[in-house]
Amino acid sequence: MDRLEAMSLFVAAVEAGSLSAAGRRFGIPLATVSRKVSDLERHLKTRLLNRSTRQLTLTDAGHAYLAACHRILDEVGEAERTAAGEYSVPTGELIITAPIVFGRLHVLPVVTGFLAAYPDVAIRLMLADRITQLTEEHIDLAIRIGQLPDSSLVATRIGSIRRVVCASPAYLAEHGTPRTPKDLAAHDCVTFEGLTAPAAWTFATGKSDLTVPIRARLRVNTAEAAIDAAIASIGLTRVLSYQITAAVRSGTLRTVLETFEPQPWPVSLVHAGQGLLPVKLRAFLDFAAPRLKKRLVQATWQA
């Protein structure tokens, strides 16, 4: 029995949800997949999967064995990449994730430059406003905005961004400019669910924080929508500074309450950092870090 093949089929069946789907992934018949997984269970003298006509579920032993299979197959893949030269010449695919707007505005231009410089490397760029799990989702590198929890991950700080309150000049001309956070009680606001609680915003006053209630006339779930609503004079909104650089420079939006802004959030490149880094990842880190630092410096304006 080829145990590595059986492990791969077992993992594929769990990930795909069925033995037949695993067979399609590997291009082999369902009967062959079923036999190899059954042979693996006989070899281990335990059942790994509960099979039914509708779904596969893992047994307790299956859960533990699945984690071991992931680790073993990853180590075998790393050994094969080493033998094939991936650790001497940048080659292969990189999987990178970043927040949607930051990824579109800043990461994508750096990625295209990297691809031009390294023709043997391919990149899968995943833009999502959620915290991804690097190991579980097989992600090589994540661009993270905000404070990082203590973990085994390795982080390289490339800059920081501000959390800013802004509005259109027309809105401020009609409703007045708030001078302190408490003035927001008299203003309409647009809230972005990914950044702030819909009912209150927090500001810095000296060494302490001040949380003030706001009146959200419009709630949206993307930063782009919040910015568009602010430009349309619906109200004040709070977003990240890099998201409105062009609008502030053009005069479409104006920031307010600058002296009450919370501490800036760090921007970091994060990777698992376990063992020897593949040359493709080391090359991207060396290429991207200084360029993203420069872009973050340029994505500012005089407050």
C-alpha atoms as a PDB file:
ATOM      1  CA  MET A   1       0.000   0.000   0.000  1.00  0.00           C
ATOM      2  CA  ASP A   2       1.238   3.483  -0.930  1.00  0.00           C
ATOM      3  CA  ARG A   3       0.563   5.209   2.382  1.00  0.00           C
ATOM      4  CA  LEU A   4       1.309   8.719   1.097  1.00  0.00           C
ATOM      5  CA  GLU A   5      -1.196   8.244  -1.709  1.00  0.00           C
ATOM      6  CA  ALA A   6      -3.755   6.851   0.735  1.00  0.00           C
ATOM      7  CA  MET A   7      -3.183   9.820   3.062  1.00  0.00           C
ATOM      8  CA  SER A   8      -3.641  12.228   0.157  1.00  0.00           C
ATOM      9  CA  LEU A   9      -6.900  10.548  -0.857  1.00  0.00           C
ATOM     10  CA  PHE A  10      -8.159  10.558   2.734  1.00  0.00           C
ATOM     11  CA  VAL A  11      -7.402  14.284   3.106  1.00  0.00           C
ATOM     12  CA  ALA A  12      -8.984  15.054  -0.271  1.00  0.00           C
ATOM     13  CA  ALA A  13     -12.135  13.119   0.644  1.00  0.00           C
ATOM     14  CA  VAL A  14     -12.515  15.077   3.889  1.00  0.00           C
ATOM     15  CA  GLU A  15     -11.867  18.432   2.193  1.00  0.00           C
ATOM     16  CA  ALA A  16     -14.167  17.703  -0.758  1.00  0.00           C
ATOM     17  CA  GLY A  17     -16.861  16.034   1.325  1.00  0.00           C
ATOM     18  CA  SER A  18     -17.041  12.711  -0.497  1.00  0.00           C
ATOM     19  CA  LEU A  19     -14.945   9.856  -1.844  1.00  0.00           C
ATOM     20  CA  SER A  20     -16.233  10.462  -5.362  1.00  0.00           C
ATOM     21  CA  ALA A  21     -15.119  14.114  -5.247  1.00  0.00           C
ATOM     22  CA  ALA A  22     -11.671  12.986  -4.117  1.00  0.00           C
ATOM     23  CA  GLY A  23     -11.573  10.592  -7.044  1.00  0.00           C
ATOM     24  CA  ARG A  24     -12.431  13.383  -9.475  1.00  0.00           C
ATOM     25  CA  ARG A  25      -9.681  15.552  -7.994  1.00  0.00           C
ATOM     26  CA  PHE A  26      -7.092  12.819  -8.578  1.00  0.00           C
ATOM     27  CA  GLY A  27      -8.623  11.418 -11.745  1.00  0.00           C
ATOM     28  CA  ILE A  28      -9.189   7.911 -10.410  1.00  0.00           C
ATOM     29  CA  PRO A  29     -12.371   5.807 -10.044  1.00  0.00           C
ATOM     30  CA  LEU A  30     -14.527   5.946  -6.923  1.00  0.00           C
ATOM     31  CA  ALA A  31     -13.967   2.235  -6.307  1.00  0.00           C
ATOM     32  CA  THR A  32     -10.210   2.764  -6.208  1.00  0.00           C
ATOM     33  CA  VAL A  33     -10.511   5.637  -3.740  1.00  0.00           C
ATOM     34  CA  SER A  34     -12.825   3.615  -1.503  1.00  0.00           C
ATOM     35  CA  ARG A  35     -10.482   0.610  -1.571  1.00  0.00           C
ATOM     36  CA  LYS A  36      -7.367   2.644  -0.757  1.00  0.00           C
ATOM     37  CA  VAL A  37      -9.035   4.447   2.148  1.00  0.00           C
ATOM     38  CA  SER A  38     -10.368   1.125   3.461  1.00  0.00           C
ATOM     39  CA  ASP A  39      -6.860  -0.372   3.152  1.00  0.00           C
ATOM     40  CA  LEU A  40      -5.542   2.568   5.169  1.00  0.00           C
ATOM     41  CA  GLU A  41      -8.125   1.972   7.905  1.00  0.00           C
ATOM     42  CA  ARG A  42      -7.221  -1.741   8.019  1.00  0.00           C
ATOM     43  CA  HIS A  43      -3.547  -0.847   8.264  1.00  0.00           C
ATOM     44  CA  LEU A  44      -4.271   1.511  11.172  1.00  0.00           C
ATOM     45  CA  LYS A  45      -6.729  -0.943  12.722  1.00  0.00           C
ATOM     46  CA  THR A  46      -9.270   1.839  13.267  1.00  0.00           C
ATOM     47  CA  ARG A  47     -12.097   3.554  11.429  1.00  0.00           C
ATOM     48  CA  LEU A  48     -11.310   7.065  10.176  1.00  0.00           C
ATOM     49  CA  LEU A  49     -14.567   7.926   8.423  1.00  0.00           C
ATOM     50  CA  ASN A  50     -18.240   7.370   9.083  1.00  0.00           C
ATOM     51  CA  ARG A  51     -19.760   6.795   5.656  1.00  0.00           C
ATOM     52  CA  SER A  52     -23.369   7.425   4.696  1.00  0.00           C
ATOM     53  CA  THR A  53     -25.167   7.958   1.414  1.00  0.00           C
ATOM     54  CA  ARG A  54     -25.257  11.717   2.059  1.00  0.00           C
ATOM     55  CA  GLN A  55     -21.994  12.659   3.733  1.00  0.00           C
ATOM     56  CA  LEU A  56     -18.675  11.685   5.268  1.00  0.00           C
ATOM     57  CA  THR A  57     -17.918  12.495   8.892  1.00  0.00           C
ATOM     58  CA  LEU A  58     -14.680  12.020  10.790  1.00  0.00           C
ATOM     59  CA  THR A  59     -14.385   9.712  13.765  1.00  0.00           C
ATOM     60  CA  ASP A  60     -12.354  10.861  16.765  1.00  0.00           C
ATOM     61  CA  ALA A  61      -9.407   8.893  15.416  1.00  0.00           C
ATOM     62  CA  GLY A  62     -10.019  10.439  12.008  1.00  0.00           C
ATOM     63  CA  HIS A  63      -9.767  13.967  13.401  1.00  0.00           C
ATOM     64  CA  ALA A  64      -6.387  13.234  14.975  1.00  0.00           C
ATOM     65  CA  TYR A  65      -5.125  11.401  11.898  1.00  0.00           C
ATOM     66  CA  LEU A  66      -6.227  14.220   9.569  1.00  0.00           C
ATOM     67  CA  ALA A  67      -4.032  16.726  11.438  1.00  0.00           C
ATOM     68  CA  ALA A  68      -1.091  14.323  11.251  1.00  0.00           C
ATOM     69  CA  CYS A  69      -1.668  13.788   7.520  1.00  0.00           C
ATOM     70  CA  HIS A  70      -1.607  17.537   6.868  1.00  0.00           C
ATOM     71  CA  ARG A  71       1.701  17.838   8.722  1.00  0.00           C
ATOM     72  CA  ILE A  72       3.300  14.843   7.000  1.00  0.00           C
ATOM     73  CA  LEU A  73       2.147  15.804   3.501  1.00  0.00           C
ATOM     74  CA  ASP A  74       3.348  19.382   4.024  1.00  0.00           C
ATOM     75  CA  GLU A  75       6.773  18.110   5.098  1.00  0.00           C
ATOM     76  CA  VAL A  76       6.980  15.785   2.093  1.00  0.00           C
ATOM     77  CA  GLY A  77       5.988  18.645  -0.207  1.00  0.00           C
ATOM     78  CA  GLU A  78       8.671  20.855   1.336  1.00  0.00           C
ATOM     79  CA  ALA A  79      11.284  18.140   0.849  1.00  0.00           C
ATOM     80  CA  GLU A  80      10.273  17.768  -2.793  1.00  0.00           C
ATOM     81  CA  ARG A  81      10.448  21.526  -3.347  1.00  0.00           C
ATOM     82  CA  THR A  82      13.919  21.559  -1.805  1.00  0.00           C
ATOM     83  CA  ALA A  83      15.083  18.784  -4.127  1.00  0.00           C
ATOM     84  CA  ALA A  84      13.532  20.549  -7.119  1.00  0.00           C
ATOM     85  CA  GLY A  85      15.444  23.748  -6.393  1.00  0.00           C
ATOM     86  CA  GLU A  86      12.639  25.911  -5.032  1.00  0.00           C
ATOM     87  CA  TYR A  87      14.911  26.915  -2.153  1.00  0.00           C
ATOM     88  CA  SER A  88      17.632  28.154  -4.501  1.00  0.00           C
ATOM     89  CA  VAL A  89      15.618  29.774  -7.316  1.00  0.00           C
ATOM     90  CA  PRO A  90      12.277  31.609  -6.845  1.00  0.00           C
ATOM     91  CA  THR A  91       9.668  29.396  -8.474  1.00  0.00           C
ATOM     92  CA  GLY A  92       6.176  28.047  -7.817  1.00  0.00           C
ATOM     93  CA  GLU A  93       2.977  29.631  -6.494  1.00  0.00           C
ATOM     94  CA  LEU A  94       2.593  32.076  -3.608  1.00  0.00           C
ATOM     95  CA  ILE A  95      -0.755  32.497  -1.860  1.00  0.00           C
ATOM     96  CA  ILE A  96      -1.146  35.993  -0.399  1.00  0.00           C
ATOM     97  CA  THR A  97      -4.092  37.595   1.375  1.00  0.00           C
ATOM     98  CA  ALA A  98      -4.864  41.248   2.139  1.00  0.00           C
ATOM     99  CA  PRO A  99      -7.825  43.481   3.058  1.00  0.00           C
ATOM    100  CA  ILE A 100      -9.937  44.329   0.014  1.00  0.00           C
ATOM    101  CA  VAL A 101      -9.326  48.060  -0.418  1.00  0.00           C
ATOM    102  CA  PHE A 102      -5.707  47.988   0.758  1.00  0.00           C
ATOM    103  CA  GLY A 103      -5.059  45.026  -1.508  1.00  0.00           C
ATOM    104  CA  ARG A 104      -6.538  46.728  -4.549  1.00  0.00           C
ATOM    105  CA  LEU A 105      -4.856  50.085  -3.966  1.00  0.00           C
ATOM    106  CA  HIS A 106      -1.432  49.009  -2.732  1.00  0.00           C
ATOM    107  CA  VAL A 107      -0.751  45.263  -2.763  1.00  0.00           C
ATOM    108  CA  LEU A 108      -1.857  44.579  -6.338  1.00  0.00           C
ATOM    109  CA  PRO A 109       0.554  47.145  -7.883  1.00  0.00           C
ATOM    110  CA  VAL A 110       3.423  45.593  -5.907  1.00  0.00           C
ATOM    111  CA  VAL A 111       2.366  42.085  -6.944  1.00  0.00           C
ATOM    112  CA  THR A 112       2.322  42.999 -10.634  1.00  0.00           C
ATOM    113  CA  GLY A 113       5.807  44.463 -10.302  1.00  0.00           C
ATOM    114  CA  PHE A 114       7.031  41.311  -8.581  1.00  0.00           C
ATOM    115  CA  LEU A 115       5.571  39.069 -11.277  1.00  0.00           C
ATOM    116  CA  ALA A 116       7.391  41.080 -13.930  1.00  0.00           C
ATOM    117  CA  ALA A 117      10.657  40.665 -12.032  1.00  0.00           C
ATOM    118  CA  TYR A 118      10.202  36.951 -11.268  1.00  0.00           C
ATOM    119  CA  PRO A 119       8.663  35.188 -14.284  1.00  0.00           C
ATOM    120  CA  ASP A 120       8.857  31.711 -12.696  1.00  0.00           C
ATOM    121  CA  VAL A 121       6.629  32.645  -9.743  1.00  0.00           C
ATOM    122  CA  ALA A 122       2.814  32.696  -9.831  1.00  0.00           C
ATOM    123  CA  ILE A 123       0.688  34.445  -7.208  1.00  0.00           C
ATOM    124  CA  ARG A 124      -2.825  33.802  -5.955  1.00  0.00           C
ATOM    125  CA  LEU A 125      -3.973  37.067  -4.347  1.00  0.00           C
ATOM    126  CA  MET A 126      -6.987  36.678  -2.046  1.00  0.00           C
ATOM    127  CA  LEU A 127      -8.650  39.947  -1.013  1.00  0.00           C
ATOM    128  CA  ALA A 128     -10.961  39.611   1.986  1.00  0.00           C
ATOM    129  CA  ASP A 129     -11.936  41.727   4.988  1.00  0.00           C
ATOM    130  CA  ARG A 130     -11.535  38.895   7.487  1.00  0.00           C
ATOM    131  CA  ILE A 131      -8.743  37.303   9.481  1.00  0.00           C
ATOM    132  CA  THR A 132      -7.485  34.302   7.539  1.00  0.00           C
ATOM    133  CA  GLN A 133      -5.871  31.262   9.148  1.00  0.00           C
ATOM    134  CA  LEU A 134      -2.474  30.941   7.496  1.00  0.00           C
ATOM    135  CA  THR A 135      -1.728  27.312   8.302  1.00  0.00           C
ATOM    136  CA  GLU A 136      -5.242  25.925   7.889  1.00  0.00           C
ATOM    137  CA  GLU A 137      -5.825  27.798   4.606  1.00  0.00           C
ATOM    138  CA  HIS A 138      -2.294  27.152   3.268  1.00  0.00           C
ATOM    139  CA  ILE A 139      -1.550  30.877   2.947  1.00  0.00           C
ATOM    140  CA  ASP A 140       2.077  31.916   2.525  1.00  0.00           C
ATOM    141  CA  LEU A 141       1.752  35.573   3.492  1.00  0.00           C
ATOM    142  CA  ALA A 142      -0.901  37.878   4.944  1.00  0.00           C
ATOM    143  CA  ILE A 143      -0.994  41.659   5.030  1.00  0.00           C
ATOM    144  CA  ARG A 144      -2.616  42.559   8.348  1.00  0.00           C
ATOM    145  CA  ILE A 145      -3.925  45.930   9.552  1.00  0.00           C
ATOM    146  CA  GLY A 146      -4.223  46.380  13.312  1.00  0.00           C
ATOM    147  CA  GLN A 147      -2.628  45.083  16.484  1.00  0.00           C
ATOM    148  CA  LEU A 148      -1.455  41.489  16.185  1.00  0.00           C
ATOM    149  CA  PRO A 149      -2.180  38.902  18.877  1.00  0.00           C
ATOM    150  CA  ASP A 150       0.754  37.054  20.390  1.00  0.00           C
ATOM    151  CA  SER A 151       1.380  33.942  18.323  1.00  0.00           C
ATOM    152  CA  SER A 152       4.050  31.884  16.617  1.00  0.00           C
ATOM    153  CA  LEU A 153       3.591  33.932  13.433  1.00  0.00           C
ATOM    154  CA  VAL A 154       6.428  36.157  12.214  1.00  0.00           C
ATOM    155  CA  ALA A 155       5.509  39.790  11.486  1.00  0.00           C
ATOM    156  CA  THR A 156       7.356  42.570   9.674  1.00  0.00           C
ATOM    157  CA  ARG A 157       5.935  46.041  10.278  1.00  0.00           C
ATOM    158  CA  ILE A 158       5.790  48.159   7.125  1.00  0.00           C
ATOM    159  CA  GLY A 159       3.978  51.249   8.391  1.00  0.00           C
ATOM    160  CA  SER A 160       0.834  52.492  10.069  1.00  0.00           C
ATOM    161  CA  ILE A 161      -2.526  53.978   9.147  1.00  0.00           C
ATOM    162  CA  ARG A 162      -4.901  56.368  10.879  1.00  0.00           C
ATOM    163  CA  ARG A 163      -8.557  55.950  11.762  1.00  0.00           C
ATOM    164  CA  VAL A 164     -10.115  59.172  10.524  1.00  0.00           C
ATOM    165  CA  VAL A 165     -13.499  60.883  10.566  1.00  0.00           C
ATOM    166  CA  CYS A 166     -14.407  62.720   7.384  1.00  0.00           C
ATOM    167  CA  ALA A 167     -17.261  64.404   5.530  1.00  0.00           C
ATOM    168  CA  SER A 168     -17.868  66.352   2.356  1.00  0.00           C
ATOM    169  CA  PRO A 169     -17.298  70.128   2.374  1.00  0.00           C
ATOM    170  CA  ALA A 170     -20.981  70.561   1.474  1.00  0.00           C
ATOM    171  CA  TYR A 171     -22.119  68.587   4.532  1.00  0.00           C
ATOM    172  CA  LEU A 172     -19.812  70.549   6.834  1.00  0.00           C
ATOM    173  CA  ALA A 173     -20.955  73.854   5.335  1.00  0.00           C
ATOM    174  CA  GLU A 174     -24.595  72.968   6.025  1.00  0.00           C
ATOM    175  CA  HIS A 175     -24.265  71.246   9.407  1.00  0.00           C
ATOM    176  CA  GLY A 176     -21.090  72.742  10.842  1.00  0.00           C
ATOM    177  CA  THR A 177     -17.744  71.165  11.712  1.00  0.00           C
ATOM    178  CA  PRO A 178     -17.565  69.121  14.933  1.00  0.00           C
ATOM    179  CA  ARG A 179     -14.833  70.432  17.234  1.00  0.00           C
ATOM    180  CA  THR A 180     -14.927  67.671  19.861  1.00  0.00           C
ATOM    181  CA  PRO A 181     -16.193  64.064  19.763  1.00  0.00           C
ATOM    182  CA  LYS A 182     -19.230  65.047  21.849  1.00  0.00           C
ATOM    183  CA  ASP A 183     -20.341  67.343  19.021  1.00  0.00           C
ATOM    184  CA  LEU A 184     -21.143  64.211  16.985  1.00  0.00           C
ATOM    185  CA  ALA A 185     -24.428  63.929  18.880  1.00  0.00           C
ATOM    186  CA  ALA A 186     -25.767  66.682  16.619  1.00  0.00           C
ATOM    187  CA  HIS A 187     -24.575  65.081  13.366  1.00  0.00           C
ATOM    188  CA  ASP A 188     -25.686  62.356  10.969  1.00  0.00           C
ATOM    189  CA  CYS A 189     -23.173  59.518  10.540  1.00  0.00           C
ATOM    190  CA  VAL A 190     -22.492  56.673   8.124  1.00  0.00           C
ATOM    191  CA  THR A 191     -21.142  53.525   9.782  1.00  0.00           C
ATOM    192  CA  PHE A 192     -19.017  50.809   8.235  1.00  0.00           C
ATOM    193  CA  GLU A 193     -19.671  47.557  10.066  1.00  0.00           C
ATOM    194  CA  GLY A 194     -16.173  46.230   9.439  1.00  0.00           C
ATOM    195  CA  LEU A 195     -14.463  49.053  11.342  1.00  0.00           C
ATOM    196  CA  THR A 196     -16.691  50.456  14.076  1.00  0.00           C
ATOM    197  CA  ALA A 197     -19.650  49.552  16.210  1.00  0.00           C
ATOM    198  CA  PRO A 198     -22.773  51.098  14.658  1.00  0.00           C
ATOM    199  CA  ALA A 199     -23.806  52.977  17.809  1.00  0.00           C
ATOM    200  CA  ALA A 200     -20.562  54.507  19.153  1.00  0.00           C
ATOM    201  CA  TRP A 201     -17.099  55.709  18.111  1.00  0.00           C
ATOM    202  CA  THR A 202     -14.026  55.749  20.349  1.00  0.00           C
ATOM    203  CA  PHE A 203     -11.507  58.596  20.407  1.00  0.00           C
ATOM    204  CA  ALA A 204      -8.322  59.422  22.294  1.00  0.00           C
ATOM    205  CA  THR A 205      -8.297  62.208  24.871  1.00  0.00           C
ATOM    206  CA  GLY A 206      -4.828  62.462  26.350  1.00  0.00           C
ATOM    207  CA  LYS A 207      -3.930  59.042  27.761  1.00  0.00           C
ATOM    208  CA  SER A 208      -7.515  57.812  28.008  1.00  0.00           C
ATOM    209  CA  ASP A 209     -10.215  56.778  25.569  1.00  0.00           C
ATOM    210  CA  LEU A 210     -13.548  58.500  25.074  1.00  0.00           C
ATOM    211  CA  THR A 211     -16.468  56.585  23.565  1.00  0.00           C
ATOM    212  CA  VAL A 212     -19.328  58.704  22.285  1.00  0.00           C
ATOM    213  CA  PRO A 213     -22.706  57.618  20.877  1.00  0.00           C
ATOM    214  CA  ILE A 214     -23.434  58.484  17.266  1.00  0.00           C
ATOM    215  CA  ARG A 215     -26.582  58.644  15.151  1.00  0.00           C
ATOM    216  CA  ALA A 216     -26.141  56.309  12.189  1.00  0.00           C
ATOM    217  CA  ARG A 217     -28.457  57.424   9.396  1.00  0.00           C
ATOM    218  CA  LEU A 218     -26.887  54.843   7.099  1.00  0.00           C
ATOM    219  CA  ARG A 219     -25.161  51.550   7.840  1.00  0.00           C
ATOM    220  CA  VAL A 220     -23.126  49.813   5.136  1.00  0.00           C
ATOM    221  CA  ASN A 221     -20.844  46.792   5.027  1.00  0.00           C
ATOM    222  CA  THR A 222     -18.002  48.081   2.837  1.00  0.00           C
ATOM    223  CA  ALA A 223     -15.632  51.000   3.203  1.00  0.00           C
ATOM    224  CA  GLU A 224     -16.225  52.025  -0.416  1.00  0.00           C
ATOM    225  CA  ALA A 225     -19.949  52.446   0.246  1.00  0.00           C
ATOM    226  CA  ALA A 226     -19.311  54.493   3.395  1.00  0.00           C
ATOM    227  CA  ILE A 227     -16.926  56.777   1.501  1.00  0.00           C
ATOM    228  CA  ASP A 228     -19.357  57.208  -1.388  1.00  0.00           C
ATOM    229  CA  ALA A 229     -22.133  58.102   1.061  1.00  0.00           C
ATOM    230  CA  ALA A 230     -19.915  60.680   2.763  1.00  0.00           C
ATOM    231  CA  ILE A 231     -19.034  62.215  -0.603  1.00  0.00           C
ATOM    232  CA  ALA A 232     -22.782  62.399  -1.286  1.00  0.00           C
ATOM    233  CA  SER A 233     -23.144  64.473   1.922  1.00  0.00           C
ATOM    234  CA  ILE A 234     -25.189  61.870   3.816  1.00  0.00           C
ATOM    235  CA  GLY A 235     -23.089  62.444   6.921  1.00  0.00           C
ATOM    236  CA  LEU A 236     -19.756  61.910   8.653  1.00  0.00           C
ATOM    237  CA  THR A 237     -18.036  58.558   8.366  1.00  0.00           C
ATOM    238  CA  ARG A 238     -15.015  56.879   9.911  1.00  0.00           C
ATOM    239  CA  VAL A 239     -12.634  54.934   7.695  1.00  0.00           C
ATOM    240  CA  LEU A 240      -8.917  54.208   7.381  1.00  0.00           C
ATOM    241  CA  SER A 241      -6.695  57.006   6.144  1.00  0.00           C
ATOM    242  CA  TYR A 242      -5.340  55.249   3.052  1.00  0.00           C
ATOM    243  CA  GLN A 243      -8.895  54.689   1.809  1.00  0.00           C
ATOM    244  CA  ILE A 244      -9.566  58.414   1.301  1.00  0.00           C
ATOM    245  CA  THR A 245      -6.150  59.772   0.304  1.00  0.00           C
ATOM    246  CA  ALA A 246      -7.280  60.733  -3.196  1.00  0.00           C
ATOM    247  CA  ALA A 247     -10.575  62.218  -1.970  1.00  0.00           C
ATOM    248  CA  VAL A 248      -8.853  64.391   0.644  1.00  0.00           C
ATOM    249  CA  ARG A 249      -6.183  65.576  -1.770  1.00  0.00           C
ATOM    250  CA  SER A 250      -8.822  66.492  -4.349  1.00  0.00           C
ATOM    251  CA  GLY A 251     -10.959  68.308  -1.779  1.00  0.00           C
ATOM    252  CA  THR A 252     -13.893  65.906  -2.149  1.00  0.00           C
ATOM    253  CA  LEU A 253     -13.642  64.979   1.537  1.00  0.00           C
ATOM    254  CA  ARG A 254     -12.298  66.771   4.595  1.00  0.00           C
ATOM    255  CA  THR A 255     -11.123  65.166   7.827  1.00  0.00           C
ATOM    256  CA  VAL A 256     -12.271  66.421  11.224  1.00  0.00           C
ATOM    257  CA  LEU A 257     -11.407  65.732  14.867  1.00  0.00           C
ATOM    258  CA  GLU A 258      -7.769  65.002  13.938  1.00  0.00           C
ATOM    259  CA  THR A 259      -6.487  65.811  17.439  1.00  0.00           C
ATOM    260  CA  PHE A 260      -8.782  63.147  18.913  1.00  0.00           C
ATOM    261  CA  GLU A 261      -7.733  60.277  16.624  1.00  0.00           C
ATOM    262  CA  PRO A 262      -6.870  56.971  18.336  1.00  0.00           C
ATOM    263  CA  GLN A 263      -3.390  55.529  18.051  1.00  0.00           C
ATOM    264  CA  PRO A 264      -2.593  54.547  14.442  1.00  0.00           C
ATOM    265  CA  TRP A 265      -2.890  50.884  13.540  1.00  0.00           C
ATOM    266  CA  PRO A 266       0.244  49.042  12.398  1.00  0.00           C
ATOM    267  CA  VAL A 267       0.409  47.400   8.976  1.00  0.00           C
ATOM    268  CA  SER A 268       2.362  44.135   8.952  1.00  0.00           C
ATOM    269  CA  LEU A 269       3.490  41.364   6.639  1.00  0.00           C
ATOM    270  CA  VAL A 270       2.767  38.100   8.474  1.00  0.00           C
ATOM    271  CA  HIS A 271       3.890  34.555   7.701  1.00  0.00           C
ATOM    272  CA  ALA A 272       4.184  31.248   9.548  1.00  0.00           C
ATOM    273  CA  GLY A 273       7.976  31.411   9.610  1.00  0.00           C
ATOM    274  CA  GLN A 274       8.450  27.754  10.489  1.00  0.00           C
ATOM    275  CA  GLY A 275      11.637  26.245   9.120  1.00  0.00           C
ATOM    276  CA  LEU A 276      13.553  27.451   6.094  1.00  0.00           C
ATOM    277  CA  LEU A 277      11.611  30.023   4.073  1.00  0.00           C
ATOM    278  CA  PRO A 278      11.124  29.134   0.398  1.00  0.00           C
ATOM    279  CA  VAL A 279      13.113  31.467  -1.831  1.00  0.00           C
ATOM    280  CA  LYS A 280       9.883  32.600  -3.540  1.00  0.00           C
ATOM    281  CA  LEU A 281       8.561  33.889  -0.185  1.00  0.00           C
ATOM    282  CA  ARG A 282      11.896  35.415   0.837  1.00  0.00           C
ATOM    283  CA  ALA A 283      12.107  37.124  -2.558  1.00  0.00           C
ATOM    284  CA  PHE A 284       8.594  38.553  -2.223  1.00  0.00           C
ATOM    285  CA  LEU A 285       9.257  39.830   1.305  1.00  0.00           C
ATOM    286  CA  ASP A 286      12.456  41.551   0.165  1.00  0.00           C
ATOM    287  CA  PHE A 287      10.676  43.006  -2.878  1.00  0.00           C
ATOM    288  CA  ALA A 288       7.392  44.017  -1.255  1.00  0.00           C
ATOM    289  CA  ALA A 289       8.409  45.397   2.151  1.00  0.00           C
ATOM    290  CA  PRO A 290      10.272  48.534   0.979  1.00  0.00           C
ATOM    291  CA  ARG A 291       7.737  49.247  -1.759  1.00  0.00           C
ATOM    292  CA  LEU A 292       4.745  48.960   0.556  1.00  0.00           C
ATOM    293  CA  LYS A 293       6.521  51.145   3.128  1.00  0.00           C
ATOM    294  CA  LYS A 294       7.001  53.796   0.454  1.00  0.00           C
ATOM    295  CA  ARG A 295       3.380  53.560  -0.688  1.00  0.00           C
ATOM    296  CA  LEU A 296       2.121  53.972   2.879  1.00  0.00           C
ATOM    297  CA  VAL A 297       4.261  57.071   3.360  1.00  0.00           C
ATOM    298  CA  GLN A 298       2.950  58.483   0.084  1.00  0.00           C
ATOM    299  CA  ALA A 299      -0.673  57.687   1.033  1.00  0.00           C
ATOM    300  CA  THR A 300      -0.751  60.518   3.561  1.00  0.00           C
ATOM    301  CA  TRP A 301      -1.673  64.170   3.598  1.00  0.00           C
ATOM    302  CA  GLN A 302      -0.968  67.095   5.854  1.00  0.00           C
ATOM    303  CA  ALA A 303      -3.618  67.054   8.568  1.00  0.00           C
END
